[in-house]
N, C-alpha and C. Protein backbone atom coordinates (compact mmCIF):
# COMPACT_ATOMS: atom_id res chain seq x y z
N MET A 1 111.98 97.22 55.37
CA MET A 1 111.26 97.45 56.58
C MET A 1 110.92 96.13 57.30
N LYS A 2 110.59 95.09 56.51
CA LYS A 2 110.29 93.80 57.09
C LYS A 2 111.55 93.19 57.72
N ARG A 3 112.70 93.43 57.11
CA ARG A 3 113.93 92.91 57.65
C ARG A 3 114.26 93.57 58.98
N LEU A 4 114.05 94.88 59.05
CA LEU A 4 114.31 95.60 60.29
C LEU A 4 113.38 95.10 61.41
N PHE A 5 112.12 94.90 61.11
CA PHE A 5 111.18 94.38 62.09
C PHE A 5 111.60 92.99 62.55
N PHE A 6 111.97 92.13 61.62
CA PHE A 6 112.41 90.78 61.94
C PHE A 6 113.66 90.82 62.83
N PHE A 7 114.58 91.69 62.49
CA PHE A 7 115.82 91.82 63.27
C PHE A 7 115.52 92.30 64.70
N VAL A 8 114.64 93.26 64.85
CA VAL A 8 114.28 93.77 66.17
C VAL A 8 113.60 92.67 67.01
N VAL A 9 112.69 91.93 66.42
CA VAL A 9 111.97 90.88 67.12
C VAL A 9 112.95 89.79 67.58
N ILE A 10 113.80 89.36 66.68
CA ILE A 10 114.77 88.32 67.04
C ILE A 10 115.74 88.83 68.10
N SER A 11 116.18 90.07 68.00
CA SER A 11 117.08 90.63 69.00
C SER A 11 116.43 90.70 70.39
N LEU A 12 115.21 91.11 70.44
CA LEU A 12 114.49 91.16 71.72
C LEU A 12 114.31 89.77 72.31
N PHE A 13 113.99 88.81 71.47
CA PHE A 13 113.84 87.45 71.94
C PHE A 13 115.12 86.94 72.54
N MET A 14 116.22 87.15 71.84
CA MET A 14 117.53 86.66 72.31
C MET A 14 117.97 87.39 73.59
N ALA A 15 117.68 88.67 73.66
CA ALA A 15 118.05 89.45 74.85
C ALA A 15 117.27 88.98 76.09
N SER A 16 116.01 88.64 75.91
CA SER A 16 115.20 88.21 77.03
C SER A 16 115.67 86.85 77.55
N SER A 17 116.18 86.01 76.64
CA SER A 17 116.62 84.69 77.09
C SER A 17 117.94 84.74 77.84
N ILE A 18 118.67 85.83 77.76
CA ILE A 18 119.91 85.97 78.50
C ILE A 18 119.67 86.05 79.99
N TRP A 19 118.64 86.78 80.42
CA TRP A 19 118.38 87.01 81.84
C TRP A 19 117.49 85.94 82.48
N ALA A 20 116.80 85.19 81.68
CA ALA A 20 115.88 84.17 82.19
C ALA A 20 116.65 82.87 82.46
N HIS A 21 116.19 82.13 83.50
CA HIS A 21 116.81 80.82 83.67
C HIS A 21 115.86 79.77 83.09
N GLY A 22 116.35 78.56 82.99
CA GLY A 22 115.64 77.48 82.34
C GLY A 22 114.30 77.13 82.97
N GLY A 23 114.16 77.45 84.26
CA GLY A 23 112.90 77.15 84.92
C GLY A 23 112.76 75.70 85.35
N ARG A 24 113.80 74.95 85.21
CA ARG A 24 113.71 73.53 85.60
C ARG A 24 113.77 73.43 87.12
N THR A 25 112.83 72.67 87.67
CA THR A 25 112.79 72.48 89.11
C THR A 25 112.89 70.97 89.36
N ASP A 26 113.34 70.63 90.56
CA ASP A 26 113.40 69.23 90.93
C ASP A 26 112.03 68.77 91.44
N SER A 27 111.99 67.53 91.91
CA SER A 27 110.69 66.98 92.35
C SER A 27 110.15 67.65 93.59
N CYS A 28 110.99 68.44 94.27
CA CYS A 28 110.53 69.17 95.45
C CYS A 28 110.20 70.66 95.14
N GLY A 29 110.09 71.00 93.89
CA GLY A 29 109.62 72.33 93.52
C GLY A 29 110.62 73.43 93.56
N GLY A 30 111.91 73.13 93.51
CA GLY A 30 112.95 74.18 93.56
C GLY A 30 114.21 73.74 92.83
N HIS A 31 115.24 74.57 92.98
CA HIS A 31 116.53 74.24 92.39
C HIS A 31 117.64 74.96 93.15
N ASN A 32 118.87 74.52 92.98
CA ASN A 32 120.02 75.19 93.58
C ASN A 32 120.28 76.50 92.89
N ASP A 33 120.47 77.55 93.64
CA ASP A 33 120.74 78.87 93.07
C ASP A 33 122.24 79.09 93.05
N ARG A 34 122.85 78.94 91.88
CA ARG A 34 124.29 79.04 91.75
C ARG A 34 124.80 80.46 91.94
N LYS A 35 124.02 81.45 91.55
CA LYS A 35 124.48 82.86 91.69
C LYS A 35 124.47 83.33 93.13
N ARG A 36 123.40 83.09 93.85
CA ARG A 36 123.24 83.61 95.20
C ARG A 36 123.52 82.56 96.27
N GLY A 37 123.62 81.34 95.86
CA GLY A 37 123.84 80.24 96.82
C GLY A 37 122.52 79.81 97.44
N GLY A 38 122.49 78.63 97.96
CA GLY A 38 121.29 78.15 98.63
C GLY A 38 120.32 77.47 97.65
N TYR A 39 119.13 77.30 98.10
CA TYR A 39 118.06 76.62 97.37
C TYR A 39 116.95 77.61 97.07
N HIS A 40 116.52 77.68 95.86
CA HIS A 40 115.49 78.63 95.41
C HIS A 40 114.19 77.86 95.16
N ILE A 41 113.13 78.25 95.85
CA ILE A 41 111.85 77.53 95.81
C ILE A 41 110.88 78.23 94.87
N HIS A 42 110.28 77.48 93.96
CA HIS A 42 109.27 78.01 93.08
C HIS A 42 107.86 77.54 93.43
N ASN A 43 107.76 76.29 93.92
CA ASN A 43 106.47 75.68 94.20
C ASN A 43 106.48 75.24 95.66
N TYR A 44 105.87 76.03 96.54
CA TYR A 44 105.90 75.73 97.96
C TYR A 44 105.09 74.49 98.34
N SER A 45 104.05 74.17 97.59
CA SER A 45 103.26 72.97 97.93
C SER A 45 104.12 71.72 97.74
N LYS A 46 104.88 71.63 96.67
CA LYS A 46 105.78 70.50 96.44
C LYS A 46 106.90 70.52 97.46
N TYR A 47 107.48 71.68 97.74
CA TYR A 47 108.56 71.81 98.69
C TYR A 47 108.15 71.35 100.09
N CYS A 48 106.97 71.76 100.52
CA CYS A 48 106.50 71.41 101.85
C CYS A 48 106.12 69.93 101.93
N ALA A 49 105.75 69.32 100.79
CA ALA A 49 105.47 67.90 100.79
C ALA A 49 106.79 67.12 101.00
N CYS A 50 107.89 67.65 100.49
CA CYS A 50 109.21 67.01 100.66
C CYS A 50 109.82 67.36 102.02
N ASN A 51 109.57 68.55 102.51
CA ASN A 51 110.21 69.05 103.75
C ASN A 51 109.18 69.62 104.69
N PRO A 52 108.35 68.79 105.29
CA PRO A 52 107.27 69.32 106.15
C PRO A 52 107.76 70.05 107.38
N ASP A 53 109.00 69.80 107.83
CA ASP A 53 109.51 70.46 109.04
C ASP A 53 110.24 71.75 108.75
N ALA A 54 110.33 72.17 107.49
CA ALA A 54 111.03 73.39 107.13
C ALA A 54 110.29 74.62 107.72
N PRO A 55 111.05 75.64 108.15
CA PRO A 55 110.40 76.84 108.73
C PRO A 55 109.42 77.51 107.77
N GLU A 56 109.66 77.40 106.46
CA GLU A 56 108.75 78.04 105.48
C GLU A 56 107.41 77.32 105.43
N CYS A 57 107.36 76.08 105.92
CA CYS A 57 106.15 75.28 105.80
C CYS A 57 105.35 75.24 107.10
N LYS A 58 105.85 75.85 108.14
CA LYS A 58 105.13 75.84 109.41
C LYS A 58 103.92 76.77 109.31
N LYS A 59 102.80 76.24 109.73
CA LYS A 59 101.57 77.04 109.77
C LYS A 59 101.45 77.68 111.14
N ASP A 60 101.03 78.92 111.17
CA ASP A 60 100.78 79.60 112.43
C ASP A 60 99.46 79.10 112.97
N VAL A 61 99.54 78.17 113.88
CA VAL A 61 98.31 77.64 114.50
C VAL A 61 98.16 78.32 115.85
N LYS A 62 97.18 79.16 115.98
CA LYS A 62 96.92 79.88 117.21
C LYS A 62 95.86 79.14 117.99
N PRO A 63 96.05 78.97 119.29
CA PRO A 63 95.01 78.34 120.08
C PRO A 63 93.75 79.24 120.14
N SER A 64 92.65 78.59 120.24
CA SER A 64 91.40 79.33 120.27
C SER A 64 91.32 80.16 121.55
N THR A 65 90.91 81.41 121.39
CA THR A 65 90.81 82.29 122.54
C THR A 65 89.40 82.32 123.10
N LYS A 66 88.47 81.65 122.43
CA LYS A 66 87.10 81.61 122.93
C LYS A 66 86.99 80.56 124.03
N LYS A 67 86.24 80.93 125.06
CA LYS A 67 86.00 79.99 126.15
C LYS A 67 84.79 79.16 125.78
N LYS A 68 84.93 77.88 126.06
CA LYS A 68 83.80 76.97 125.80
C LYS A 68 82.70 77.22 126.83
N SER A 69 81.53 77.26 126.33
CA SER A 69 80.41 77.45 127.28
C SER A 69 80.05 76.08 127.90
N ALA A 70 79.57 76.12 129.08
CA ALA A 70 79.23 74.89 129.79
C ALA A 70 77.79 74.46 129.50
N GLY A 71 77.29 74.84 128.35
CA GLY A 71 75.92 74.46 127.99
C GLY A 71 74.90 75.52 128.36
N LYS A 72 75.27 76.53 129.11
CA LYS A 72 74.34 77.59 129.47
C LYS A 72 74.56 78.78 128.56
N GLU A 73 73.45 79.30 128.09
CA GLU A 73 73.50 80.52 127.30
C GLU A 73 72.74 81.59 128.02
N LYS A 74 73.26 82.76 128.08
CA LYS A 74 72.58 83.85 128.79
C LYS A 74 71.84 84.70 127.84
């Protein structure tokens, strides 16, 4: 019974490592995606530090819609 349990645990561990990738990222928080092509980002804060002009890093800055009062309050 112990051998069967050991075999099942080892088999599950090995099967899970087949689908997972190494998780290694470069200094910009991502890596090249060989299967799908392109660059895969894991850490956006590091990525945006390296590429501040990237579309993923643009912040939606909306102008204020409130009108400034001229010092008078009603």
